[in-house]
Protein backbone atom coordinates (compact mmCIF):
# COMPACT_ATOMS: atom_id res chain seq x y z
CA MET A 1 -0.14 111.46 -59.65
CA SER A 2 -0.72 115.02 -60.86
CA TYR A 3 -3.14 116.19 -63.52
CA CYS A 4 -2.65 118.91 -66.10
CA LEU A 5 -5.61 121.29 -66.55
CA ASN A 6 -4.73 122.32 -70.10
CA PRO A 7 -7.79 121.17 -72.13
CA SER A 8 -5.60 120.50 -75.20
CA CYS A 9 -2.83 118.61 -73.35
CA PRO A 10 -2.17 115.25 -75.10
CA LYS A 11 -0.94 113.51 -71.92
CA PRO A 12 -2.36 115.23 -68.80
CA VAL A 13 -1.22 112.56 -66.27
CA ASN A 14 2.11 113.39 -64.59
CA HIS A 15 4.37 112.23 -61.77
CA PRO A 16 3.02 113.18 -58.29
CA LYS A 17 6.00 115.45 -57.54
CA ALA A 18 6.13 117.14 -60.95
CA LYS A 19 5.61 120.91 -60.99
CA LEU A 20 5.28 121.31 -64.74
CA CYS A 21 3.43 119.11 -67.22
CA LYS A 22 5.87 116.92 -69.10
CA ALA A 23 3.73 117.00 -72.26
CA CYS A 24 2.79 120.70 -72.56
CA GLY A 25 4.82 122.56 -69.92
CA ASN A 26 1.72 123.86 -68.11
CA LYS A 27 1.96 124.58 -64.35
CA LEU A 28 0.39 121.74 -62.37
CA LEU A 29 -0.41 123.62 -59.15
CA LEU A 30 -3.70 125.47 -59.68
CA HIS A 31 -4.05 128.95 -58.20
CA GLY A 32 -0.87 128.34 -56.23
CA ARG A 33 -2.58 125.93 -53.81
CA TYR A 34 -4.59 123.11 -55.43
CA HIS A 35 -2.77 119.91 -56.32
CA LEU A 36 -4.91 117.81 -58.65
CA VAL A 37 -4.79 114.19 -57.53
CA LYS A 38 -7.32 112.39 -59.68
CA GLY A 39 -9.70 112.96 -62.58
CA LEU A 40 -13.34 112.31 -61.64
CA GLY A 41 -15.10 112.82 -64.94
CA LYS A 42 -15.56 114.84 -68.12
CA GLY A 43 -18.56 116.30 -69.84
CA GLY A 44 -19.63 118.83 -72.42
CA PHE A 45 -19.19 121.67 -69.93
CA GLY A 46 -15.69 120.76 -68.73
CA ALA A 47 -14.07 118.36 -66.28
CA THR A 48 -14.11 117.46 -62.57
CA PHE A 49 -11.07 116.64 -60.45
CA LEU A 50 -10.22 115.54 -56.94
CA ALA A 51 -7.59 117.85 -55.45
CA ALA A 52 -5.69 118.52 -52.24
CA ASP A 53 -5.76 122.05 -50.82
CA LEU A 54 -2.10 122.63 -49.89
CA ALA A 55 -2.89 125.99 -48.24
CA LEU A 56 -4.86 124.43 -45.39
CA PRO A 57 -3.62 122.30 -42.48
CA GLY A 58 -3.92 118.61 -43.22
CA LYS A 59 -4.23 119.28 -46.96
CA PRO A 60 -7.96 118.42 -47.09
CA LEU A 61 -9.45 117.04 -50.27
CA CYS A 62 -11.84 119.10 -52.39
CA VAL A 63 -13.57 118.84 -55.75
CA ILE A 64 -12.57 121.16 -58.59
CA LYS A 65 -14.90 121.78 -61.50
CA GLN A 66 -13.35 123.31 -64.56
CA LEU A 67 -15.79 125.06 -66.89
CA ARG A 68 -14.53 125.47 -70.42
CA PRO A 69 -16.18 127.96 -72.82
CA ASN A 70 -16.02 126.58 -76.35
CA THR A 71 -14.80 129.79 -77.96
CA ASP A 72 -12.05 132.44 -77.90
CA ASN A 73 -14.42 135.29 -78.84
CA PRO A 74 -13.84 138.12 -76.31
CA ASN A 75 -17.56 139.01 -76.27
CA PHE A 76 -18.42 135.45 -75.34
CA LEU A 77 -15.76 135.35 -72.64
CA SER A 78 -17.04 138.58 -71.13
CA MET A 79 -20.58 137.26 -70.96
CA ALA A 80 -19.40 133.86 -69.73
CA ARG A 81 -17.52 135.58 -66.91
CA GLU A 82 -20.65 137.47 -65.87
CA LEU A 83 -22.80 134.33 -65.93
CA PHE A 84 -20.17 132.29 -64.11
CA GLU A 85 -20.02 134.77 -61.22
CA ARG A 86 -23.78 134.90 -60.95
CA GLU A 87 -24.13 131.13 -60.91
CA ALA A 88 -21.26 130.74 -58.43
CA LYS A 89 -23.11 133.04 -56.04
CA THR A 90 -26.24 130.92 -56.49
CA LEU A 91 -24.27 127.78 -55.65
CA GLY A 92 -22.84 129.54 -52.63
CA ARG A 93 -26.33 130.27 -51.37
CA VAL A 94 -27.62 126.73 -52.01
CA GLY A 95 -24.46 125.23 -50.49
CA ASN A 96 -25.57 126.35 -47.03
CA HIS A 97 -27.81 123.28 -46.97
CA PRO A 98 -26.35 120.45 -44.82
CA GLN A 99 -26.96 117.90 -47.61
CA ILE A 100 -25.38 119.88 -50.45
CA PRO A 101 -21.59 120.32 -50.85
CA ARG A 102 -20.41 123.78 -49.81
CA LEU A 103 -18.87 126.11 -52.39
CA LEU A 104 -15.37 126.87 -51.07
CA ASP A 105 -14.04 129.15 -53.79
CA TYR A 106 -14.46 130.23 -57.40
CA PHE A 107 -12.07 132.03 -59.74
CA GLU A 108 -10.88 132.47 -63.33
CA ASP A 109 -7.46 131.30 -64.47
CA LYS A 110 -6.19 131.62 -68.06
CA GLU A 111 -9.73 132.12 -69.36
CA GLN A 112 -10.86 128.93 -67.66
CA PHE A 113 -13.43 129.08 -64.86
CA TYR A 114 -13.13 127.03 -61.67
CA LEU A 115 -15.48 126.08 -58.83
CA ILE A 116 -13.97 124.58 -55.67
CA GLN A 117 -16.43 122.52 -53.65
CA GLU A 118 -16.45 120.40 -50.51
CA PHE A 119 -15.49 116.76 -51.06
CA VAL A 120 -18.12 114.26 -49.85
CA LYS A 121 -16.75 110.83 -49.04
CA GLY A 122 -19.11 107.93 -49.76
CA ASN A 123 -20.69 105.88 -52.52
CA ASN A 124 -23.30 107.24 -54.87
CA LEU A 125 -26.59 105.37 -55.31
CA GLN A 126 -25.55 103.96 -58.68
CA GLN A 127 -22.52 102.36 -57.04
CA GLU A 128 -24.69 101.06 -54.19
CA VAL A 129 -27.08 99.30 -56.58
CA LYS A 130 -24.19 97.71 -58.48
CA LYS A 131 -22.57 96.48 -55.26
CA GLN A 132 -25.56 95.58 -53.10
CA GLY A 133 -28.40 95.02 -55.56
CA VAL A 134 -31.73 96.80 -56.06
CA LEU A 135 -33.73 98.44 -53.28
CA ASN A 136 -37.08 97.19 -52.04
CA GLU A 137 -40.07 99.54 -51.92
CA ALA A 138 -39.53 100.58 -48.29
CA LYS A 139 -35.90 101.61 -48.89
CA ALA A 140 -36.78 103.34 -52.16
CA LYS A 141 -39.42 105.38 -50.30
CA GLN A 142 -36.80 106.43 -47.74
CA VAL A 143 -34.52 107.69 -50.52
CA LEU A 144 -37.41 109.41 -52.27
CA LYS A 145 -38.55 111.24 -49.16
CA GLU A 146 -35.05 112.36 -48.16
CA VAL A 147 -34.22 113.73 -51.61
CA LEU A 148 -37.63 115.40 -51.94
CA VAL A 149 -36.92 117.30 -48.72
CA ILE A 150 -33.61 118.51 -50.20
CA LEU A 151 -35.33 119.53 -53.45
CA LYS A 152 -38.03 121.36 -51.54
CA ASP A 153 -35.34 123.48 -49.87
CA ILE A 154 -33.37 124.28 -53.04
CA HIS A 155 -36.54 125.03 -55.01
CA ALA A 156 -37.38 127.54 -52.28
CA GLN A 157 -34.10 129.25 -53.30
CA LYS A 158 -35.44 129.34 -56.91
CA VAL A 159 -32.83 126.84 -58.07
CA ILE A 160 -33.50 123.85 -60.33
CA HIS A 161 -30.93 121.06 -60.10
CA ARG A 162 -31.49 119.74 -63.66
CA ASP A 163 -29.39 116.59 -63.32
CA ILE A 164 -30.99 114.33 -60.71
CA LYS A 165 -29.78 110.74 -61.17
CA PRO A 166 -28.34 107.93 -58.99
CA ALA A 167 -24.73 108.97 -59.72
CA ASN A 168 -25.43 112.46 -58.36
CA ILE A 169 -26.78 111.30 -54.99
CA ILE A 170 -24.06 110.26 -52.53
CA ARG A 171 -24.63 108.45 -49.26
CA ARG A 172 -22.25 110.32 -46.98
CA GLU A 173 -20.00 107.89 -45.13
CA ILE A 174 -19.76 109.86 -41.89
CA ASP A 175 -23.52 109.98 -41.10
CA ASN A 176 -25.23 107.85 -43.81
CA LYS A 177 -27.22 110.87 -45.06
CA LEU A 178 -27.87 111.48 -48.75
CA VAL A 179 -26.07 114.40 -50.37
CA LEU A 180 -27.09 115.95 -53.69
CA ILE A 181 -24.13 116.88 -55.91
CA ASP A 182 -23.33 118.24 -59.38
CA PHE A 183 -25.81 121.05 -59.87
CA GLY A 184 -26.78 121.68 -63.48
CA VAL A 185 -27.40 125.32 -62.55
CA VAL A 186 -23.86 126.23 -63.61
CA LYS A 187 -23.91 124.27 -66.85
CA ASN A 188 -24.48 126.91 -69.47
CA GLN A 189 -22.90 127.76 -72.76
CA VAL A 190 -22.86 130.86 -74.92
CA ASN A 191 -24.10 130.72 -78.49
CA SER A 192 -24.25 133.32 -81.20
CA ILE A 193 -27.66 134.40 -82.44
CA GLY A 194 -26.29 136.77 -85.07
CA ALA A 195 -25.68 136.10 -88.73
CA GLY A 196 -22.38 136.48 -90.57
CA GLY A 197 -19.99 138.79 -88.73
CA SER A 198 -22.58 140.16 -86.36
CA ASN A 199 -21.48 140.69 -82.78
CA GLN A 200 -25.02 140.15 -81.49
CA THR A 201 -24.83 137.42 -78.85
CA ALA A 202 -26.90 135.98 -76.05
CA PHE A 203 -26.70 133.30 -73.43
CA THR A 204 -28.64 130.23 -74.36
CA ALA A 205 -29.38 127.70 -71.65
CA PHE A 206 -27.68 124.41 -72.39
CA ALA A 207 -29.95 121.36 -72.45
CA VAL A 208 -28.48 120.00 -69.24
CA GLY A 209 -29.48 116.57 -68.05
CA THR A 210 -28.96 112.88 -68.60
CA PRO A 211 -30.98 111.26 -71.43
CA GLY A 212 -33.73 109.11 -69.96
CA PHE A 213 -33.68 110.98 -66.65
CA ALA A 214 -34.38 114.48 -68.01
CA PRO A 215 -38.01 115.15 -69.05
CA PRO A 216 -38.96 116.61 -72.46
CA GLU A 217 -39.42 120.22 -71.30
CA GLN A 218 -35.90 120.24 -69.86
CA LEU A 219 -34.36 118.86 -73.05
CA ALA A 220 -36.29 121.62 -74.84
CA MET A 221 -34.38 124.07 -72.58
CA ARG A 222 -37.46 125.01 -70.55
CA PRO A 223 -36.81 123.36 -67.16
CA VAL A 224 -39.24 123.85 -64.27
CA TYR A 225 -39.32 122.58 -60.69
CA ALA A 226 -41.36 119.58 -61.87
CA SER A 227 -38.39 118.60 -64.07
CA ASP A 228 -36.47 117.60 -60.94
CA VAL A 229 -39.52 115.66 -59.71
CA TYR A 230 -39.57 113.63 -62.96
CA ALA A 231 -35.84 112.87 -62.80
CA LEU A 232 -36.20 111.73 -59.18
CA GLY A 233 -39.04 109.42 -60.22
CA VAL A 234 -36.79 107.83 -62.86
CA THR A 235 -34.05 107.55 -60.23
CA CYS A 236 -36.45 105.65 -57.96
CA MET A 237 -37.29 103.22 -60.75
CA TYR A 238 -33.58 102.64 -61.34
CA LEU A 239 -33.03 101.93 -57.64
CA MET A 240 -35.79 99.28 -57.65
CA THR A 241 -34.93 97.68 -61.01
CA GLY A 242 -31.22 98.30 -61.64
CA LYS A 243 -32.18 99.35 -65.18
CA ALA A 244 -31.57 102.67 -66.86
CA PRO A 245 -34.50 103.99 -68.95
CA LYS A 246 -32.62 103.24 -72.19
CA ASN A 247 -32.62 99.55 -71.24
CA MET A 248 -36.40 99.38 -70.71
CA ASP A 249 -39.01 98.58 -73.36
CA CYS A 250 -41.32 101.34 -74.52
CA ASP A 251 -44.64 101.43 -76.34
CA PRO A 252 -43.92 101.85 -80.08
CA ILE A 253 -47.07 103.95 -80.52
CA THR A 254 -46.87 106.35 -77.58
CA GLY A 255 -43.18 106.08 -76.64
CA ASP A 256 -44.17 105.54 -72.99
CA ILE A 257 -42.03 103.24 -70.86
CA ASP A 258 -43.85 100.43 -69.04
CA TRP A 259 -41.88 101.07 -65.84
CA PHE A 260 -43.79 98.78 -63.55
CA LYS A 261 -43.24 95.51 -65.37
CA TYR A 262 -39.66 95.68 -64.10
CA ALA A 263 -40.42 96.40 -60.44
CA LYS A 264 -42.55 95.00 -57.63
CA VAL A 265 -44.46 98.02 -56.37
CA SER A 266 -47.64 98.42 -54.33
CA ASP A 267 -50.61 100.07 -56.04
CA SER A 268 -50.49 103.17 -53.83
CA PHE A 269 -46.76 103.77 -54.37
CA ALA A 270 -47.12 102.99 -58.08
CA GLN A 271 -49.70 105.79 -58.29
CA ILE A 272 -47.24 108.28 -56.79
CA LEU A 273 -44.44 107.22 -59.13
CA THR A 274 -46.80 107.32 -62.11
CA THR A 275 -47.62 110.95 -61.33
CA MET A 276 -43.92 111.79 -60.91
CA LEU A 277 -43.15 110.15 -64.26
CA GLU A 278 -45.84 111.90 -66.28
CA VAL A 279 -44.38 113.23 -69.52
CA ALA A 280 -46.78 116.18 -69.55
CA VAL A 281 -45.88 118.76 -66.91
CA LYS A 282 -49.56 119.59 -66.31
CA SER A 283 -50.17 116.01 -65.15
CA ARG A 284 -47.07 115.76 -62.95
CA TYR A 285 -46.51 116.92 -59.37
CA LYS A 286 -45.59 120.58 -59.85
CA THR A 287 -43.23 120.76 -56.87
CA ALA A 288 -41.25 118.55 -54.52
CA GLU A 289 -43.56 119.69 -51.73
CA GLU A 290 -46.59 118.38 -53.62
CA ALA A 291 -44.91 114.99 -54.13
CA LEU A 292 -43.93 114.92 -50.45
CA GLY A 293 -47.54 115.52 -49.47
CA ALA A 294 -48.71 112.60 -51.62
CA LEU A 295 -46.05 110.36 -50.07
CA ASP A 296 -47.12 111.32 -46.54
CA ILE A 297 -50.78 110.61 -47.34
CA GLU A 298 -49.83 107.25 -48.89
CA ASN A 299 -48.16 106.23 -45.64
CA HIS A 300 -51.49 106.65 -43.82
CA VAL A 301 -53.86 105.31 -46.48
CA ASP A 302 -54.20 101.84 -44.95
CA SER A 303 -55.00 103.08 -41.46
CA LEU A 304 -57.47 105.63 -42.82
CA SER A 305 -59.19 102.94 -44.88
CA GLU A 306 -59.49 100.68 -41.83
CA SER A 307 -61.01 103.51 -39.80
CA MET A 308 -63.61 104.17 -42.48
CA LEU A 309 -64.50 100.49 -42.67
CA SER A 310 -64.70 100.12 -38.89
CA PHE A 311 -67.42 102.78 -38.44
CA PRO A 312 -70.01 102.41 -41.23
CA SER A 313 -72.88 104.86 -41.42
CA LEU A 314 -76.07 103.43 -39.94
CA ALA A 315 -78.12 104.71 -42.85
CA GLU A 316 -75.75 103.17 -45.40
CA ASP A 317 -75.29 99.75 -43.76
CA PRO A 318 -77.50 97.26 -45.68
CA ASN A 319 -77.16 94.76 -42.79
CA THR A 320 -78.80 97.09 -40.25
CA SER A 321 -82.30 95.83 -39.36
CA ILE A 322 -85.36 97.85 -40.32
CA SER A 323 -86.40 98.24 -36.71
CA ASN A 324 -82.94 99.54 -35.74
CA ARG A 325 -82.94 102.07 -38.55
CA SER A 326 -86.47 103.12 -37.65
CA SER A 327 -85.38 103.55 -34.03
CA ALA A 328 -82.41 105.60 -35.15
CA ARG A 329 -84.67 107.92 -37.11
CA SER A 330 -87.04 108.22 -34.14
CA SER A 331 -84.11 109.08 -31.92
CA ARG A 332 -82.99 111.79 -34.35
CA ARG A 333 -86.55 113.18 -34.50
CA ASN A 334 -86.81 113.23 -30.69
CA THR A 335 -83.46 115.00 -30.47
CA ALA A 336 -84.64 117.62 -32.96
CA SER A 337 -87.93 118.00 -31.04
CA ASN A 338 -86.12 118.47 -27.73
CA SER A 339 -83.91 121.07 -29.34
CA ARG A 340 -86.94 123.01 -30.53
CA MET A 341 -88.49 122.74 -27.08
CA SER A 342 -85.49 124.24 -25.41
CA ARG A 343 -85.53 127.14 -27.83
CA ASN A 344 -89.28 127.87 -27.77
CA GLY A 345 -90.05 127.38 -24.03
CA SER A 346 -93.47 126.54 -22.61
CA ARG A 347 -95.34 126.97 -25.89
CA SER A 348 -93.24 124.22 -27.46
CA THR A 349 -93.82 122.04 -24.40
CA SER A 350 -97.59 122.40 -24.70
CA THR A 351 -97.48 121.65 -28.39
CA SER A 352 -95.30 118.63 -27.75
CA ARG A 353 -97.78 117.24 -25.16
CA HIS A 354 -100.64 117.72 -27.58
CA SER A 355 -98.70 115.89 -30.28
CA ARG A 356 -97.98 112.96 -27.98
CA HIS A 357 -101.63 112.79 -26.88
CA SER A 358 -102.77 112.77 -30.51
CA SER A 359 -100.31 110.10 -31.47
CA ARG A 360 -101.61 107.77 -28.75
CA GLY A 361 -105.01 107.94 -30.39
CA THR A 362 -103.75 106.69 -33.72
CA SER A 363 -103.24 103.12 -34.89
CA ILE A 364 -99.85 101.74 -33.93
CA GLY A 365 -100.06 99.19 -36.69
CA ARG A 366 -100.60 101.92 -39.28
CA ASN A 367 -97.66 103.93 -37.97
CA THR A 368 -95.40 100.89 -38.08
CA SER A 369 -96.51 100.12 -41.60
CA THR A 370 -95.81 103.66 -42.71
CA SER A 371 -92.38 103.57 -41.09
CA VAL A 372 -91.46 100.36 -42.87
CA SER A 373 -92.64 101.62 -46.24
CA ARG A 374 -90.35 104.63 -45.99
CA VAL A 375 -87.16 102.65 -45.29
CA PRO A 376 -84.95 102.91 -48.37
CA GLN A 377 -83.92 99.62 -49.82
CA ALA A 378 -80.22 98.77 -49.95
CA PRO A 379 -78.90 99.34 -53.49
CA THR A 380 -78.31 96.21 -55.51
CA LYS A 381 -74.61 95.54 -55.80
CA PRO A 382 -72.87 94.27 -58.95
CA VAL A 383 -72.37 90.50 -58.83
CA LYS A 384 -68.74 89.38 -58.68
CA VAL A 385 -67.73 87.21 -61.64
CA SER A 386 -64.36 85.85 -62.75
CA ALA A 387 -62.66 86.35 -66.09
CA GLU A 388 -63.11 82.65 -66.86
CA GLU A 389 -66.86 82.83 -66.24
CA MET A 390 -67.18 85.86 -68.49
CA LEU A 391 -65.26 84.32 -71.37
CA LYS A 392 -67.24 81.08 -71.08
CA SER A 393 -70.50 83.00 -71.08
CA TYR A 394 -69.48 85.04 -74.12
CA ALA A 395 -68.41 81.91 -76.00
CA SER A 396 -71.87 80.43 -75.41
CA GLY A 397 -73.50 83.50 -76.98
CA ARG A 398 -74.44 85.46 -73.83
CA LYS A 399 -73.20 89.06 -74.08
CA ASP A 400 -75.09 90.88 -71.31
CA PHE A 401 -72.70 91.58 -68.42
CA GLY A 402 -74.71 94.35 -66.81
CA MET A 403 -74.49 94.75 -63.02
CA LYS A 404 -71.33 92.61 -62.86
CA ASP A 405 -68.18 93.21 -60.82
CA ILE A 406 -65.11 92.20 -62.83
CA SER A 407 -62.67 94.49 -61.04
CA MET A 408 -59.01 93.43 -60.97
CA GLN A 409 -59.65 90.62 -63.49
CA ASP A 410 -57.16 89.82 -66.26
CA LEU A 411 -58.90 89.92 -69.65
CA GLN A 412 -55.98 90.79 -71.90
CA LYS A 413 -56.71 90.32 -75.60
CA ALA A 414 -60.24 89.08 -74.82
CA GLU A 415 -62.87 88.98 -77.58
CA LEU A 416 -65.89 90.77 -76.06
CA SER A 417 -67.27 92.92 -78.87
CA GLU A 418 -70.94 94.05 -78.93
CA SER A 419 -71.36 93.33 -75.20
CA LYS A 420 -73.37 95.18 -72.54
CA PHE A 421 -71.55 96.24 -69.37
CA HIS A 422 -74.08 98.82 -68.13
CA ASN A 423 -73.84 99.59 -64.39
CA SER A 424 -70.87 97.24 -64.01
CA LYS A 425 -67.66 97.64 -62.04
CA LEU A 426 -64.35 97.36 -63.92
CA VAL A 427 -61.97 99.04 -61.47
CA ARG A 428 -58.35 98.22 -62.41
CA THR A 429 -59.51 95.52 -64.82
CA ASN A 430 -56.85 94.53 -67.36
CA LEU A 431 -58.41 94.70 -70.84
CA GLN A 432 -55.23 95.54 -72.72
CA SER A 433 -55.50 94.86 -76.48
CA ALA A 434 -59.05 93.46 -76.03
CA ASP A 435 -61.77 93.73 -78.69
CA LEU A 436 -64.49 95.82 -77.01
CA SER A 437 -65.96 97.45 -80.09
CA LYS A 438 -69.64 98.48 -80.11
CA ASN A 439 -69.92 97.93 -76.35
CA ASN A 440 -72.32 99.54 -73.86
CA PHE A 441 -70.44 100.89 -70.81
CA VAL A 442 -73.21 103.21 -69.59
CA ASN A 443 -72.86 104.17 -65.91
CA CYS A 444 -69.82 101.89 -65.38
CA ASP A 445 -67.06 102.37 -62.81
CA MET A 446 -63.88 102.00 -64.88
CA ARG A 447 -61.39 103.80 -62.65
CA GLN A 448 -57.72 102.97 -63.34
CA ALA A 449 -58.67 100.20 -65.79
CA MET A 450 -55.96 99.11 -68.24
CA LEU A 451 -57.22 99.45 -71.82
CA ARG A 452 -54.01 100.11 -73.76
CA ASN A 453 -54.30 99.33 -77.47
CA ALA A 454 -57.88 98.05 -76.98
CA ASP A 455 -60.50 98.38 -79.73
CA LEU A 456 -63.34 100.46 -78.26
CA SER A 457 -64.69 101.89 -81.50
CA LYS A 458 -68.38 102.85 -81.54
CA SER A 459 -68.69 102.19 -77.79
CA ILE A 460 -70.88 104.18 -75.40
CA PHE A 461 -69.42 105.48 -72.11
CA LYS A 462 -72.29 107.70 -70.99
CA SER A 463 -72.06 108.68 -67.28
CA CYS A 464 -68.97 106.50 -66.73
CA ASN A 465 -66.31 107.11 -64.11
CA MET A 466 -63.08 106.74 -66.14
CA GLU A 467 -60.73 108.57 -63.77
CA GLY A 468 -57.13 107.39 -64.09
CA ILE A 469 -57.98 104.98 -66.92
CA ASP A 470 -55.13 103.99 -69.27
CA LEU A 471 -56.27 104.26 -72.91
CA ARG A 472 -52.89 104.71 -74.56
CA GLY A 473 -52.99 103.59 -78.19
CA ALA A 474 -56.67 102.57 -77.93
CA ASN A 475 -59.13 102.89 -80.81
CA LEU A 476 -62.04 105.08 -79.62
CA LYS A 477 -63.26 106.08 -83.05
CA ASP A 478 -66.94 107.18 -83.13
CA SER A 479 -67.37 106.58 -79.38
CA SER A 480 -69.65 108.55 -77.05
CA PHE A 481 -68.41 110.29 -73.86
CA LYS A 482 -71.42 112.22 -72.53
CA ASN A 483 -71.18 113.12 -68.80
CA VAL A 484 -68.00 111.07 -68.32
CA LYS A 485 -65.48 111.66 -65.50
CA LEU A 486 -62.00 111.70 -67.04
CA LYS A 487 -59.66 113.20 -64.44
CA GLY A 488 -56.16 111.70 -64.82
CA ALA A 489 -57.11 109.57 -67.85
CA ASN A 490 -54.32 108.81 -70.34
CA PHE A 491 -55.26 109.28 -74.02
CA CYS A 492 -51.72 109.35 -75.46
CA GLY A 493 -51.71 107.84 -78.96
CA THR A 494 -55.49 107.28 -78.83
CA ASN A 495 -57.69 107.50 -81.94
CA LEU A 496 -60.66 109.74 -81.05
CA LYS A 497 -61.75 110.53 -84.60
CA GLY A 498 -65.51 111.02 -84.85
CA SER A 499 -66.08 110.74 -81.10
CA ASN A 500 -68.10 113.35 -79.21
CA LEU A 501 -65.33 114.13 -76.71
CA THR A 502 -65.47 117.87 -76.08
CA LYS A 503 -62.58 120.30 -76.01
CA GLU A 504 -63.12 120.77 -72.26
CA GLN A 505 -62.87 117.01 -71.73
CA VAL A 506 -59.70 116.80 -73.81
CA GLU A 507 -58.09 119.45 -71.60
CA GLU A 508 -58.76 117.17 -68.61
CA VAL A 509 -56.84 114.17 -69.98
CA LYS A 510 -53.29 113.41 -71.01
CA THR A 511 -52.62 113.53 -74.73
CA ASN A 512 -49.55 113.74 -76.97
CA TRP A 513 -48.75 114.49 -80.59
CA MET A 514 -49.82 110.93 -81.54
CA THR A 515 -53.37 111.45 -80.23
CA VAL A 516 -55.92 111.73 -83.05
CA MET A 517 -58.48 114.32 -81.99
CA PRO A 518 -62.25 114.09 -82.75
CA SER A 519 -61.64 116.38 -85.72
CA GLY A 520 -59.24 113.82 -87.19
CA LYS A 521 -56.22 116.06 -86.67
CA ARG A 522 -53.23 114.58 -84.89
CA GLY A 523 -51.84 116.21 -81.73
CA PHE A 524 -54.06 119.31 -81.56
CA TRP A 525 -57.74 120.24 -81.56
């Protein structure tokens, strides 16, 4: 069949051999060489078609993008023409990448603008998921790394894609490589900024992007390189869940999507995706290169951890005998003494002999006793307890949980108010929606704990490590945060009224317009 390019044509589909449109009389052969075979899609910026290039041997297929300005104003058309040429040149430069379709031609015809690009045969990732099912973590990582490498290269050309999504990533049939298509860089429209009959005009960037995949700053027409990183993070979640963001539940208080309840993801990979999916740009990976670096480190985390565990420090190993540690210190002292001898010559040697002679005259028992008394004791470790043991203890009236290790325990909606957790370990503990009001968390390790919608009013967190903690929607009214580590903590939708959280601490954490600041004002200090 043949397609008519007249935007107002009522029936654009024609017979394959037709030269003129039966409905509107428009010529069907574009630019004297392109025969439109099939419509591929329409959007606010125009339409995309599959076409055959009749001017080349074999009549190879290509993709034609028709950009349609939404006005007949000559001033707008003049500016649109200038912008179109500039963006076409940008696409031409980016199209030199082996995983981006090449720009073959661009021209204007009857006040319509056309881009002719290389046709890439293959299925896009959205089609793959529908046909073959969701990807496991390993395959999702492969996609993520390959696309991040492409983004790193185009960002180096100062180009932001602005429409990363599964439908815009094609697995090329000929070599199985991923190809990034449909650059939002050319999707612009012209709007008037004048009043009445004023001719004052300006280009205004169109809020390009797919809802759910585009981050807030992009929808606010302020895209940055991190905008592509966010959209790729959403794409990864789609590949592992088969769900678009609009079909996922979100927190009614903060608006955040609970991505990970739909996917089976390791903790280390979840941390990378969480950073990619941060709503606030300041908390997100700023560039594709930064995200790539995190992914490379994540691949080696296990082996690095094993290496660290395999070679413990002698001084830090509580199982090392006192005599062994004493011998180790003696060895270090002898080494230092020998070093001094070599530097100071015969005088040091004489002094050393005198020291040895003097030491032989002293009591060995006394020396041994002194050595033992100076050996530092191994620090007392928090005692591991289960969630069941804690709840049973609390129910019986015991509320002191100091020096306890309840890491990774599930205590959702637990009633634990007015308890003492001083010097305890709560790493990645799930305390979502729990009652923890008037609690003592002094000197606790609460890294990456889940405390969404928990009641923590009038609690004390002095000298706590709360890095990466999730406090979205939590009540922290009148709480104390002196000397607390808060890097990466999420305070979106949190009530901080009356707390002593400082402005410097607030700048360290993630907040949104729903966060109630210590002053009682919502969204700002």
